[in-house]
Amino acid sequence: MNENNGIRCSNKTLSMEEKRNYCIAWKKSGMSQLAFCKMNGISKSALYNWNKECKKENRGMDFSPIALQEKLDKDETGMIQLNIECPNQIRLSISIPEYRLITFIQEIGYATSTLW
């Protein structure tokens, strides 16, 4: 998406997916909107409008935060039995090595949340 990859936003009409990808890339970059736009050859107003469209589009998705049990059970092999309960009544029970726990929680949190 940036000049370093040789890809620049042209005057063509972008799909909603392309707009969403720019918004996600900007959020992940940690850059200011202006710096990100300059680097990617897009106008700040375009990114602002795309971000607004994405927020509107995501309002009806009803993603729910996950809740983890307070005490984790670890068996003799070092595997943790992780029970996850979502507000929408979905329950997951997963055995995972202790060293993977933090990364797994970060990944599932990212997968179940929206950027807006």
PDB file of N, CA and C in Angstrom:
ATOM      1  N   MET A   1       0.796  -1.201   0.000  1.00  0.00           N
ATOM      2  CA  MET A   1       0.000   0.000   0.000  1.00  0.00           C
ATOM      3  C   MET A   1       0.838   1.264   0.000  1.00  0.00           C
ATOM      4  N   ASN A   2       2.110   1.164   0.228  1.00  0.00           N
ATOM      5  CA  ASN A   2       2.899   2.381   0.267  1.00  0.00           C
ATOM      6  C   ASN A   2       3.794   2.494  -0.955  1.00  0.00           C
ATOM      7  N   GLU A   3       4.451   3.628  -1.078  1.00  0.00           N
ATOM      8  CA  GLU A   3       5.287   3.904  -2.229  1.00  0.00           C
ATOM      9  C   GLU A   3       6.432   2.911  -2.331  1.00  0.00           C
ATOM     10  N   ASN A   4       6.922   2.436  -1.202  1.00  0.00           N
ATOM     11  CA  ASN A   4       8.038   1.509  -1.211  1.00  0.00           C
ATOM     12  C   ASN A   4       7.689   0.208  -1.920  1.00  0.00           C
ATOM     13  N   ASN A   5       6.439  -0.160  -1.941  1.00  0.00           N
ATOM     14  CA  ASN A   5       6.000  -1.365  -2.627  1.00  0.00           C
ATOM     15  C   ASN A   5       5.569  -1.059  -4.055  1.00  0.00           C
ATOM     16  N   GLY A   6       5.646   0.177  -4.456  1.00  0.00           N
ATOM     17  CA  GLY A   6       5.274   0.557  -5.801  1.00  0.00           C
ATOM     18  C   GLY A   6       3.780   0.662  -6.030  1.00  0.00           C
ATOM     19  N   ILE A   7       3.008   0.586  -4.990  1.00  0.00           N
ATOM     20  CA  ILE A   7       1.555   0.650  -5.124  1.00  0.00           C
ATOM     21  C   ILE A   7       1.076   1.989  -4.596  1.00  0.00           C
ATOM     22  N   ARG A   8       0.384   2.710  -5.409  1.00  0.00           N
ATOM     23  CA  ARG A   8      -0.169   3.992  -4.997  1.00  0.00           C
ATOM     24  C   ARG A   8      -1.632   4.030  -5.360  1.00  0.00           C
ATOM     25  N   CYS A   9      -2.356   4.774  -4.596  1.00  0.00           N
ATOM     26  CA  CYS A   9      -3.783   4.946  -4.873  1.00  0.00           C
ATOM     27  C   CYS A   9      -3.922   5.881  -6.072  1.00  0.00           C
ATOM     28  N   SER A  10      -4.567   5.420  -7.100  1.00  0.00           N
ATOM     29  CA  SER A  10      -4.763   6.255  -8.283  1.00  0.00           C
ATOM     30  C   SER A  10      -6.135   6.912  -8.214  1.00  0.00           C
ATOM     31  N   ASN A  11      -6.541   7.516  -9.295  1.00  0.00           N
ATOM     32  CA  ASN A  11      -7.835   8.175  -9.333  1.00  0.00           C
ATOM     33  C   ASN A  11      -8.981   7.190  -9.539  1.00  0.00           C
ATOM     34  N   LYS A  12      -8.681   5.895  -9.698  1.00  0.00           N
ATOM     35  CA  LYS A  12      -9.750   4.916  -9.903  1.00  0.00           C
ATOM     36  C   LYS A  12     -10.609   4.801  -8.643  1.00  0.00           C
ATOM     37  N   THR A  13     -11.801   4.318  -8.825  1.00  0.00           N
ATOM     38  CA  THR A  13     -12.703   4.109  -7.703  1.00  0.00           C
ATOM     39  C   THR A  13     -12.288   2.845  -6.978  1.00  0.00           C
ATOM     40  N   LEU A  14     -12.088   2.962  -5.677  1.00  0.00           N
ATOM     41  CA  LEU A  14     -11.676   1.817  -4.877  1.00  0.00           C
ATOM     42  C   LEU A  14     -12.887   1.067  -4.352  1.00  0.00           C
ATOM     43  N   SER A  15     -12.733  -0.235  -4.220  1.00  0.00           N
ATOM     44  CA  SER A  15     -13.797  -1.039  -3.628  1.00  0.00           C
ATOM     45  C   SER A  15     -13.828  -0.773  -2.123  1.00  0.00           C
ATOM     46  N   MET A  16     -14.924  -1.165  -1.490  1.00  0.00           N
ATOM     47  CA  MET A  16     -15.025  -0.986  -0.040  1.00  0.00           C
ATOM     48  C   MET A  16     -13.936  -1.782   0.666  1.00  0.00           C
ATOM     49  N   GLU A  17     -13.602  -2.939   0.139  1.00  0.00           N
ATOM     50  CA  GLU A  17     -12.534  -3.753   0.740  1.00  0.00           C
ATOM     51  C   GLU A  17     -11.189  -3.039   0.676  1.00  0.00           C
ATOM     52  N   GLU A  18     -10.891  -2.402  -0.446  1.00  0.00           N
ATOM     53  CA  GLU A  18      -9.643  -1.654  -0.584  1.00  0.00           C
ATOM     54  C   GLU A  18      -9.613  -0.471   0.388  1.00  0.00           C
ATOM     55  N   LYS A  19     -10.737   0.225   0.502  1.00  0.00           N
ATOM     56  CA  LYS A  19     -10.821   1.341   1.443  1.00  0.00           C
ATOM     57  C   LYS A  19     -10.612   0.843   2.868  1.00  0.00           C
ATOM     58  N   ARG A  20     -11.278  -0.263   3.199  1.00  0.00           N
ATOM     59  CA  ARG A  20     -11.156  -0.845   4.536  1.00  0.00           C
ATOM     60  C   ARG A  20      -9.699  -1.239   4.822  1.00  0.00           C
ATOM     61  N   ASN A  21      -9.022  -1.795   3.820  1.00  0.00           N
ATOM     62  CA  ASN A  21      -7.625  -2.186   3.991  1.00  0.00           C
ATOM     63  C   ASN A  21      -6.733  -0.983   4.286  1.00  0.00           C
ATOM     64  N   TYR A  22      -7.007   0.139   3.625  1.00  0.00           N
ATOM     65  CA  TYR A  22      -6.252   1.359   3.930  1.00  0.00           C
ATOM     66  C   TYR A  22      -6.508   1.800   5.373  1.00  0.00           C
ATOM     67  N   CYS A  23      -7.755   1.758   5.800  1.00  0.00           N
ATOM     68  CA  CYS A  23      -8.101   2.164   7.168  1.00  0.00           C
ATOM     69  C   CYS A  23      -7.419   1.261   8.194  1.00  0.00           C
ATOM     70  N   ILE A  24      -7.441  -0.035   7.945  1.00  0.00           N
ATOM     71  CA  ILE A  24      -6.804  -0.985   8.859  1.00  0.00           C
ATOM     72  C   ILE A  24      -5.297  -0.753   8.892  1.00  0.00           C
ATOM     73  N   ALA A  25      -4.706  -0.579   7.717  1.00  0.00           N
ATOM     74  CA  ALA A  25      -3.260  -0.340   7.647  1.00  0.00           C
ATOM     75  C   ALA A  25      -2.883   0.934   8.390  1.00  0.00           C
ATOM     76  N   TRP A  26      -3.699   1.974   8.252  1.00  0.00           N
ATOM     77  CA  TRP A  26      -3.417   3.223   8.973  1.00  0.00           C
ATOM     78  C   TRP A  26      -3.484   3.002  10.475  1.00  0.00           C
ATOM     79  N   LYS A  27      -4.541   2.321  10.951  1.00  0.00           N
ATOM     80  CA  LYS A  27      -4.690   2.081  12.392  1.00  0.00           C
ATOM     81  C   LYS A  27      -3.515   1.266  12.934  1.00  0.00           C
ATOM     82  N   LYS A  28      -3.094   0.256  12.185  1.00  0.00           N
ATOM     83  CA  LYS A  28      -1.989  -0.597  12.631  1.00  0.00           C
ATOM     84  C   LYS A  28      -0.645   0.126  12.587  1.00  0.00           C
ATOM     85  N   SER A  29      -0.528   1.093  11.686  1.00  0.00           N
ATOM     86  CA  SER A  29       0.767   1.762  11.483  1.00  0.00           C
ATOM     87  C   SER A  29       1.196   2.612  12.670  1.00  0.00           C
ATOM     88  N   GLY A  30       0.224   3.137  13.411  1.00  0.00           N
ATOM     89  CA  GLY A  30       0.553   4.033  14.516  1.00  0.00           C
ATOM     90  C   GLY A  30       0.963   5.422  14.037  1.00  0.00           C
ATOM     91  N   MET A  31       0.874   5.650  12.744  1.00  0.00           N
ATOM     92  CA  MET A  31       1.264   6.937  12.167  1.00  0.00           C
ATOM     93  C   MET A  31       0.103   7.921  12.261  1.00  0.00           C
ATOM     94  N   SER A  32       0.437   9.191  12.136  1.00  0.00           N
ATOM     95  CA  SER A  32      -0.628  10.188  12.041  1.00  0.00           C
ATOM     96  C   SER A  32      -1.330   9.978  10.705  1.00  0.00           C
ATOM     97  N   GLN A  33      -2.548  10.461  10.618  1.00  0.00           N
ATOM     98  CA  GLN A  33      -3.303  10.323   9.377  1.00  0.00           C
ATOM     99  C   GLN A  33      -2.565  11.013   8.227  1.00  0.00           C
ATOM    100  N   LEU A  34      -2.038  12.199   8.489  1.00  0.00           N
ATOM    101  CA  LEU A  34      -1.352  12.959   7.451  1.00  0.00           C
ATOM    102  C   LEU A  34      -0.114  12.222   6.950  1.00  0.00           C
ATOM    103  N   ALA A  35       0.709  11.698   7.859  1.00  0.00           N
ATOM    104  CA  ALA A  35       1.928  10.984   7.464  1.00  0.00           C
ATOM    105  C   ALA A  35       1.584   9.727   6.668  1.00  0.00           C
ATOM    106  N   PHE A  36       0.571   8.991   7.121  1.00  0.00           N
ATOM    107  CA  PHE A  36       0.161   7.773   6.423  1.00  0.00           C
ATOM    108  C   PHE A  36      -0.323   8.104   5.015  1.00  0.00           C
ATOM    109  N   CYS A  37      -1.123   9.146   4.906  1.00  0.00           N
ATOM    110  CA  CYS A  37      -1.658   9.535   3.597  1.00  0.00           C
ATOM    111  C   CYS A  37      -0.549   9.958   2.645  1.00  0.00           C
ATOM    112  N   LYS A  38       0.403  10.735   3.144  1.00  0.00           N
ATOM    113  CA  LYS A  38       1.528  11.159   2.301  1.00  0.00           C
ATOM    114  C   LYS A  38       2.320   9.949   1.825  1.00  0.00           C
ATOM    115  N   MET A  39       2.560   8.997   2.720  1.00  0.00           N
ATOM    116  CA  MET A  39       3.344   7.819   2.387  1.00  0.00           C
ATOM    117  C   MET A  39       2.635   6.952   1.344  1.00  0.00           C
ATOM    118  N   ASN A  40       1.304   6.942   1.383  1.00  0.00           N
ATOM    119  CA  ASN A  40       0.539   6.084   0.489  1.00  0.00           C
ATOM    120  C   ASN A  40      -0.069   6.797  -0.703  1.00  0.00           C
ATOM    121  N   GLY A  41       0.160   8.100  -0.804  1.00  0.00           N
ATOM    122  CA  GLY A  41      -0.323   8.840  -1.967  1.00  0.00           C
ATOM    123  C   GLY A  41      -1.830   9.004  -2.009  1.00  0.00           C
ATOM    124  N   ILE A  42      -2.438   9.124  -0.843  1.00  0.00           N
ATOM    125  CA  ILE A  42      -3.886   9.352  -0.780  1.00  0.00           C
ATOM    126  C   ILE A  42      -4.152  10.636  -0.020  1.00  0.00           C
ATOM    127  N   SER A  43      -5.302  11.215  -0.249  1.00  0.00           N
ATOM    128  CA  SER A  43      -5.617  12.467   0.444  1.00  0.00           C
ATOM    129  C   SER A  43      -6.124  12.162   1.851  1.00  0.00           C
ATOM    130  N   LYS A  44      -5.873  13.081   2.738  1.00  0.00           N
ATOM    131  CA  LYS A  44      -6.323  12.926   4.122  1.00  0.00           C
ATOM    132  C   LYS A  44      -7.851  12.883   4.181  1.00  0.00           C
ATOM    133  N   SER A  45      -8.490  13.687   3.351  1.00  0.00           N
ATOM    134  CA  SER A  45      -9.959  13.697   3.358  1.00  0.00           C
ATOM    135  C   SER A  45     -10.521  12.359   2.871  1.00  0.00           C
ATOM    136  N   ALA A  46      -9.838  11.722   1.918  1.00  0.00           N
ATOM    137  CA  ALA A  46     -10.300  10.415   1.426  1.00  0.00           C
ATOM    138  C   ALA A  46     -10.225   9.392   2.556  1.00  0.00           C
ATOM    139  N   LEU A  47      -9.095   9.340   3.262  1.00  0.00           N
ATOM    140  CA  LEU A  47      -8.948   8.387   4.361  1.00  0.00           C
ATOM    141  C   LEU A  47      -9.972   8.667   5.457  1.00  0.00           C
ATOM    142  N   TYR A  48     -10.199   9.927   5.741  1.00  0.00           N
ATOM    143  CA  TYR A  48     -11.198  10.301   6.751  1.00  0.00           C
ATOM    144  C   TYR A  48     -12.575   9.765   6.343  1.00  0.00           C
ATOM    145  N   ASN A  49     -12.946   9.979   5.076  1.00  0.00           N
ATOM    146  CA  ASN A  49     -14.259   9.527   4.593  1.00  0.00           C
ATOM    147  C   ASN A  49     -14.357   7.998   4.565  1.00  0.00           C
ATOM    148  N   TRP A  50     -13.276   7.328   4.166  1.00  0.00           N
ATOM    149  CA  TRP A  50     -13.289   5.864   4.153  1.00  0.00           C
ATOM    150  C   TRP A  50     -13.455   5.319   5.570  1.00  0.00           C
ATOM    151  N   ASN A  51     -12.747   5.939   6.503  1.00  0.00           N
ATOM    152  CA  ASN A  51     -12.826   5.516   7.905  1.00  0.00           C
ATOM    153  C   ASN A  51     -14.257   5.686   8.420  1.00  0.00           C
ATOM    154  N   LYS A  52     -14.872   6.789   8.041  1.00  0.00           N
ATOM    155  CA  LYS A  52     -16.256   7.063   8.439  1.00  0.00           C
ATOM    156  C   LYS A  52     -17.204   6.014   7.841  1.00  0.00           C
ATOM    157  N   GLU A  53     -16.993   5.665   6.577  1.00  0.00           N
ATOM    158  CA  GLU A  53     -17.803   4.639   5.919  1.00  0.00           C
ATOM    159  C   GLU A  53     -17.644   3.288   6.617  1.00  0.00           C
ATOM    160  N   CYS A  54     -16.417   2.949   6.968  1.00  0.00           N
ATOM    161  CA  CYS A  54     -16.151   1.670   7.631  1.00  0.00           C
ATOM    162  C   CYS A  54     -16.810   1.608   8.998  1.00  0.00           C
ATOM    163  N   LYS A  55     -16.770   2.714   9.719  1.00  0.00           N
ATOM    164  CA  LYS A  55     -17.424   2.757  11.029  1.00  0.00           C
ATOM    165  C   LYS A  55     -18.921   2.510  10.876  1.00  0.00           C
ATOM    166  N   LYS A  56     -19.511   3.175   9.893  1.00  0.00           N
ATOM    167  CA  LYS A  56     -20.955   3.034   9.646  1.00  0.00           C
ATOM    168  C   LYS A  56     -21.277   1.590   9.265  1.00  0.00           C
ATOM    169  N   GLU A  57     -20.445   1.002   8.420  1.00  0.00           N
ATOM    170  CA  GLU A  57     -20.648  -0.367   7.963  1.00  0.00           C
ATOM    171  C   GLU A  57     -20.542  -1.367   9.121  1.00  0.00           C
ATOM    172  N   ASN A  58     -19.668  -1.093  10.084  1.00  0.00           N
ATOM    173  CA  ASN A  58     -19.416  -2.031  11.182  1.00  0.00           C
ATOM    174  C   ASN A  58     -20.405  -1.910  12.339  1.00  0.00           C
ATOM    175  N   ARG A  59     -21.248  -0.907  12.332  1.00  0.00           N
ATOM    176  CA  ARG A  59     -22.167  -0.709  13.459  1.00  0.00           C
ATOM    177  C   ARG A  59     -23.100  -1.891  13.673  1.00  0.00           C
ATOM    178  N   GLY A  60     -23.525  -2.543  12.614  1.00  0.00           N
ATOM    179  CA  GLY A  60     -24.473  -3.632  12.742  1.00  0.00           C
ATOM    180  C   GLY A  60     -23.845  -4.996  12.962  1.00  0.00           C
ATOM    181  N   MET A  61     -22.553  -5.081  13.139  1.00  0.00           N
ATOM    182  CA  MET A  61     -21.903  -6.375  13.223  1.00  0.00           C
ATOM    183  C   MET A  61     -22.009  -7.039  14.586  1.00  0.00           C
ATOM    184  N   ASP A  62     -22.235  -6.280  15.635  1.00  0.00           N
ATOM    185  CA  ASP A  62     -22.437  -6.822  16.975  1.00  0.00           C
ATOM    186  C   ASP A  62     -21.331  -7.744  17.466  1.00  0.00           C
ATOM    187  N   PHE A  63     -20.089  -7.370  17.279  1.00  0.00           N
ATOM    188  CA  PHE A  63     -19.006  -8.148  17.863  1.00  0.00           C
ATOM    189  C   PHE A  63     -19.025  -7.946  19.362  1.00  0.00           C
ATOM    190  N   SER A  64     -18.718  -8.985  20.075  1.00  0.00           N
ATOM    191  CA  SER A  64     -18.755  -8.925  21.531  1.00  0.00           C
ATOM    192  C   SER A  64     -17.367  -9.159  22.094  1.00  0.00           C
ATOM    193  N   PRO A  65     -17.053  -8.493  23.187  1.00  0.00           N
ATOM    194  CA  PRO A  65     -15.766  -8.760  23.828  1.00  0.00           C
ATOM    195  C   PRO A  65     -15.788 -10.148  24.451  1.00  0.00           C
ATOM    196  N   ILE A  66     -14.618 -10.745  24.555  1.00  0.00           N
ATOM    197  CA  ILE A  66     -14.552 -12.054  25.183  1.00  0.00           C
ATOM    198  C   ILE A  66     -14.307 -11.897  26.673  1.00  0.00           C
ATOM    199  N   ALA A  67     -14.694 -12.889  27.444  1.00  0.00           N
ATOM    200  CA  ALA A  67     -14.456 -12.893  28.886  1.00  0.00           C
ATOM    201  C   ALA A  67     -13.729 -14.178  29.230  1.00  0.00           C
ATOM    202  N   LEU A  68     -12.653 -14.054  29.953  1.00  0.00           N
ATOM    203  CA  LEU A  68     -11.880 -15.216  30.374  1.00  0.00           C
ATOM    204  C   LEU A  68     -12.132 -15.497  31.840  1.00  0.00           C
ATOM    205  N   GLN A  69     -12.046 -16.761  32.205  1.00  0.00           N
ATOM    206  CA  GLN A  69     -12.186 -17.110  33.615  1.00  0.00           C
ATOM    207  C   GLN A  69     -11.013 -16.523  34.379  1.00  0.00           C
ATOM    208  N   GLU A  70     -11.203 -16.255  35.657  1.00  0.00           N
ATOM    209  CA  GLU A  70     -10.145 -15.626  36.447  1.00  0.00           C
ATOM    210  C   GLU A  70      -9.028 -16.602  36.792  1.00  0.00           C
ATOM    211  N   LYS A  71      -9.362 -17.843  37.068  1.00  0.00           N
ATOM    212  CA  LYS A  71      -8.358 -18.829  37.434  1.00  0.00           C
ATOM    213  C   LYS A  71      -8.217 -19.823  36.288  1.00  0.00           C
ATOM    214  N   LEU A  72      -6.977 -20.032  35.842  1.00  0.00           N
ATOM    215  CA  LEU A  72      -6.713 -20.976  34.771  1.00  0.00           C
ATOM    216  C   LEU A  72      -6.227 -22.295  35.358  1.00  0.00           C
ATOM    217  N   ASP A  73      -6.727 -23.394  34.840  1.00  0.00           N
ATOM    218  CA  ASP A  73      -6.339 -24.721  35.300  1.00  0.00           C
ATOM    219  C   ASP A  73      -5.201 -25.248  34.441  1.00  0.00           C
ATOM    220  N   LYS A  74      -4.106 -25.680  35.096  1.00  0.00           N
ATOM    221  CA  LYS A  74      -2.968 -26.237  34.368  1.00  0.00           C
ATOM    222  C   LYS A  74      -2.816 -27.700  34.763  1.00  0.00           C
ATOM    223  N   ASP A  75      -2.663 -28.579  33.759  1.00  0.00           N
ATOM    224  CA  ASP A  75      -2.505 -29.991  34.081  1.00  0.00           C
ATOM    225  C   ASP A  75      -1.029 -30.348  34.251  1.00  0.00           C
ATOM    226  N   GLU A  76      -0.744 -31.618  34.482  1.00  0.00           N
ATOM    227  CA  GLU A  76       0.625 -32.067  34.757  1.00  0.00           C
ATOM    228  C   GLU A  76       1.554 -31.944  33.553  1.00  0.00           C
ATOM    229  N   THR A  77       1.025 -31.815  32.345  1.00  0.00           N
ATOM    230  CA  THR A  77       1.858 -31.672  31.149  1.00  0.00           C
ATOM    231  C   THR A  77       2.162 -30.204  30.825  1.00  0.00           C
ATOM    232  N   GLY A  78       1.645 -29.294  31.618  1.00  0.00           N
ATOM    233  CA  GLY A  78       1.874 -27.870  31.372  1.00  0.00           C
ATOM    234  C   GLY A  78       0.850 -27.232  30.452  1.00  0.00           C
ATOM    235  N   MET A  79      -0.169 -27.993  30.084  1.00  0.00           N
ATOM    236  CA  MET A  79      -1.235 -27.458  29.228  1.00  0.00           C
ATOM    237  C   MET A  79      -2.257 -26.744  30.103  1.00  0.00           C
ATOM    238  N   ILE A  80      -2.709 -25.620  29.624  1.00  0.00           N
ATOM    239  CA  ILE A  80      -3.726 -24.850  30.344  1.00  0.00           C
ATOM    240  C   ILE A  80      -5.076 -25.117  29.699  1.00  0.00           C
ATOM    241  N   GLN A  81      -6.047 -25.383  30.534  1.00  0.00           N
ATOM    242  CA  GLN A  81      -7.421 -25.539  30.047  1.00  0.00           C
ATOM    243  C   GLN A  81      -8.049 -24.150  30.082  1.00  0.00           C
ATOM    244  N   LEU A  82      -8.296 -23.605  28.926  1.00  0.00           N
ATOM    245  CA  LEU A  82      -8.813 -22.250  28.795  1.00  0.00           C
ATOM    246  C   LEU A  82     -10.279 -22.312  28.405  1.00  0.00           C
ATOM    247  N   ASN A  83     -11.128 -21.716  29.220  1.00  0.00           N
ATOM    248  CA  ASN A  83     -12.562 -21.657  28.923  1.00  0.00           C
ATOM    249  C   ASN A  83     -12.922 -20.211  28.623  1.00  0.00           C
ATOM    250  N   ILE A  84     -13.454 -19.987  27.439  1.00  0.00           N
ATOM    251  CA  ILE A  84     -13.815 -18.647  26.988  1.00  0.00           C
ATOM    252  C   ILE A  84     -15.325 -18.594  26.821  1.00  0.00           C
ATOM    253  N   GLU A  85     -15.933 -17.582  27.426  1.00  0.00           N
ATOM    254  CA  GLU A  85     -17.379 -17.393  27.285  1.00  0.00           C
ATOM    255  C   GLU A  85     -17.626 -16.028  26.656  1.00  0.00           C
ATOM    256  N   CYS A  86     -18.374 -16.046  25.588  1.00  0.00           N
ATOM    257  CA  CYS A  86     -18.731 -14.809  24.904  1.00  0.00           C
ATOM    258  C   CYS A  86     -20.150 -14.410  25.309  1.00  0.00           C
ATOM    259  N   PRO A  87     -20.438 -13.111  25.319  1.00  0.00           N
ATOM    260  CA  PRO A  87     -21.785 -12.659  25.672  1.00  0.00           C
ATOM    261  C   PRO A  87     -22.886 -13.222  24.782  1.00  0.00           C
ATOM    262  N   ASN A  88     -22.533 -13.676  23.584  1.00  0.00           N
ATOM    263  CA  ASN A  88     -23.550 -14.226  22.685  1.00  0.00           C
ATOM    264  C   ASN A  88     -23.775 -15.728  22.926  1.00  0.00           C
ATOM    265  N   GLN A  89     -23.397 -16.208  24.100  1.00  0.00           N
ATOM    266  CA  GLN A  89     -23.615 -17.586  24.560  1.00  0.00           C
ATOM    267  C   GLN A  89     -22.681 -18.611  23.929  1.00  0.00           C
ATOM    268  N   ILE A  90     -21.703 -18.212  23.174  1.00  0.00           N
ATOM    269  CA  ILE A  90     -20.727 -19.149  22.627  1.00  0.00           C
ATOM    270  C   ILE A  90     -19.686 -19.430  23.705  1.00  0.00           C
ATOM    271  N   ARG A  91     -19.384 -20.707  23.893  1.00  0.00           N
ATOM    272  CA  ARG A  91     -18.381 -21.113  24.880  1.00  0.00           C
ATOM    273  C   ARG A  91     -17.331 -21.963  24.187  1.00  0.00           C
ATOM    274  N   LEU A  92     -16.087 -21.655  24.451  1.00  0.00           N
ATOM    275  CA  LEU A  92     -14.973 -22.411  23.899  1.00  0.00           C
ATOM    276  C   LEU A  92     -14.171 -23.006  25.039  1.00  0.00           C
ATOM    277  N   SER A  93     -13.737 -24.231  24.878  1.00  0.00           N
ATOM    278  CA  SER A  93     -12.866 -24.880  25.842  1.00  0.00           C
ATOM    279  C   SER A  93     -11.652 -25.362  25.069  1.00  0.00           C
ATOM    280  N   ILE A  94     -10.479 -24.824  25.406  1.00  0.00           N
ATOM    281  CA  ILE A  94      -9.267 -25.077  24.631  1.00  0.00           C
ATOM    282  C   ILE A  94      -8.131 -25.472  25.563  1.00  0.00           C
ATOM    283  N   SER A  95      -7.372 -26.479  25.173  1.00  0.00           N
ATOM    284  CA  SER A  95      -6.131 -26.824  25.867  1.00  0.00           C
ATOM    285  C   SER A  95      -4.994 -26.198  25.080  1.00  0.00           C
ATOM    286  N   ILE A  96      -4.160 -25.430  25.760  1.00  0.00           N
ATOM    287  CA  ILE A  96      -3.105 -24.690  25.076  1.00  0.00           C
ATOM    288  C   ILE A  96      -1.853 -24.684  25.961  1.00  0.00           C
ATOM    289  N   PRO A  97      -0.660 -24.773  25.371  1.00  0.00           N
ATOM    290  CA  PRO A  97       0.554 -24.694  26.179  1.00  0.00           C
ATOM    291  C   PRO A  97       0.658 -23.321  26.844  1.00  0.00           C
ATOM    292  N   GLU A  98       1.156 -23.307  28.047  1.00  0.00           N
ATOM    293  CA  GLU A  98       1.225 -22.046  28.801  1.00  0.00           C
ATOM    294  C   GLU A  98       1.995 -20.958  28.057  1.00  0.00           C
ATOM    295  N   TYR A  99       3.067 -21.322  27.363  1.00  0.00           N
ATOM    296  CA  TYR A  99       3.880 -20.322  26.667  1.00  0.00           C
ATOM    297  C   TYR A  99       3.144 -19.652  25.499  1.00  0.00           C
ATOM    298  N   ARG A 100       2.051 -20.261  25.004  1.00  0.00           N
ATOM    299  CA  ARG A 100       1.282 -19.691  23.897  1.00  0.00           C
ATOM    300  C   ARG A 100       0.080 -18.873  24.353  1.00  0.00           C
ATOM    301  N   LEU A 101      -0.186 -18.854  25.648  1.00  0.00           N
ATOM    302  CA  LEU A 101      -1.409 -18.257  26.161  1.00  0.00           C
ATOM    303  C   LEU A 101      -1.553 -16.777  25.816  1.00  0.00           C
ATOM    304  N   ILE A 102      -0.546 -15.985  26.088  1.00  0.00           N
ATOM    305  CA  ILE A 102      -0.649 -14.537  25.854  1.00  0.00           C
ATOM    306  C   ILE A 102      -0.866 -14.237  24.378  1.00  0.00           C
ATOM    307  N   THR A 103      -0.094 -14.884  23.509  1.00  0.00           N
ATOM    308  CA  THR A 103      -0.254 -14.658  22.072  1.00  0.00           C
ATOM    309  C   THR A 103      -1.646 -15.072  21.610  1.00  0.00           C
ATOM    310  N   PHE A 104      -2.130 -16.208  22.113  1.00  0.00           N
ATOM    311  CA  PHE A 104      -3.455 -16.681  21.728  1.00  0.00           C
ATOM    312  C   PHE A 104      -4.535 -15.675  22.139  1.00  0.00           C
ATOM    313  N   ILE A 105      -4.450 -15.174  23.358  1.00  0.00           N
ATOM    314  CA  ILE A 105      -5.441 -14.208  23.837  1.00  0.00           C
ATOM    315  C   ILE A 105      -5.389 -12.936  22.990  1.00  0.00           C
ATOM    316  N   GLN A 106      -4.190 -12.482  22.645  1.00  0.00           N
ATOM    317  CA  GLN A 106      -4.073 -11.302  21.791  1.00  0.00           C
ATOM    318  C   GLN A 106      -4.697 -11.553  20.422  1.00  0.00           C
ATOM    319  N   GLU A 107      -4.432 -12.714  19.857  1.00  0.00           N
ATOM    320  CA  GLU A 107      -4.961 -13.033  18.535  1.00  0.00           C
ATOM    321  C   GLU A 107      -6.486 -13.133  18.545  1.00  0.00           C
ATOM    322  N   ILE A 108      -7.028 -13.800  19.537  1.00  0.00           N
ATOM    323  CA  ILE A 108      -8.479 -13.951  19.572  1.00  0.00           C
ATOM    324  C   ILE A 108      -9.163 -12.607  19.887  1.00  0.00           C
ATOM    325  N   GLY A 109      -8.507 -11.799  20.711  1.00  0.00           N
ATOM    326  CA  GLY A 109      -9.046 -10.449  20.991  1.00  0.00           C
ATOM    327  C   GLY A 109      -9.077  -9.605  19.730  1.00  0.00           C
ATOM    328  N   TYR A 110      -8.017  -9.687  18.943  1.00  0.00           N
ATOM    329  CA  TYR A 110      -7.964  -8.925  17.694  1.00  0.00           C
ATOM    330  C   TYR A 110      -9.021  -9.427  16.712  1.00  0.00           C
ATOM    331  N   ALA A 111      -9.172 -10.755  16.654  1.00  0.00           N
ATOM    332  CA  ALA A 111     -10.118 -11.350  15.698  1.00  0.00           C
ATOM    333  C   ALA A 111     -11.569 -11.038  16.048  1.00  0.00           C
ATOM    334  N   THR A 112     -11.864 -10.808  17.309  1.00  0.00           N
ATOM    335  CA  THR A 112     -13.256 -10.599  17.701  1.00  0.00           C
ATOM    336  C   THR A 112     -13.607  -9.134  17.960  1.00  0.00           C
ATOM    337  N   SER A 113     -12.676  -8.249  17.690  1.00  0.00           N
ATOM    338  CA  SER A 113     -12.965  -6.833  17.930  1.00  0.00           C
ATOM    339  C   SER A 113     -12.958  -6.067  16.620  1.00  0.00           C
ATOM    340  N   THR A 114     -13.549  -4.924  16.652  1.00  0.00           N
ATOM    341  CA  THR A 114     -13.500  -4.062  15.485  1.00  0.00           C
ATOM    342  C   THR A 114     -12.482  -2.974  15.758  1.00  0.00           C
ATOM    343  N   LEU A 115     -12.023  -2.351  14.706  1.00  0.00           N
ATOM    344  CA  LEU A 115     -11.044  -1.287  14.870  1.00  0.00           C
ATOM    345  C   LEU A 115     -11.658   0.030  15.249  1.00  0.00           C
ATOM    346  N   TRP A 116     -12.991   0.077  15.216  1.00  0.00           N
ATOM    347  CA  TRP A 116     -13.640   1.343  15.466  1.00  0.00           C
ATOM    348  C   TRP A 116     -14.416   1.288  16.716  1.00  0.00           C
TER     349      TRP A 116
END
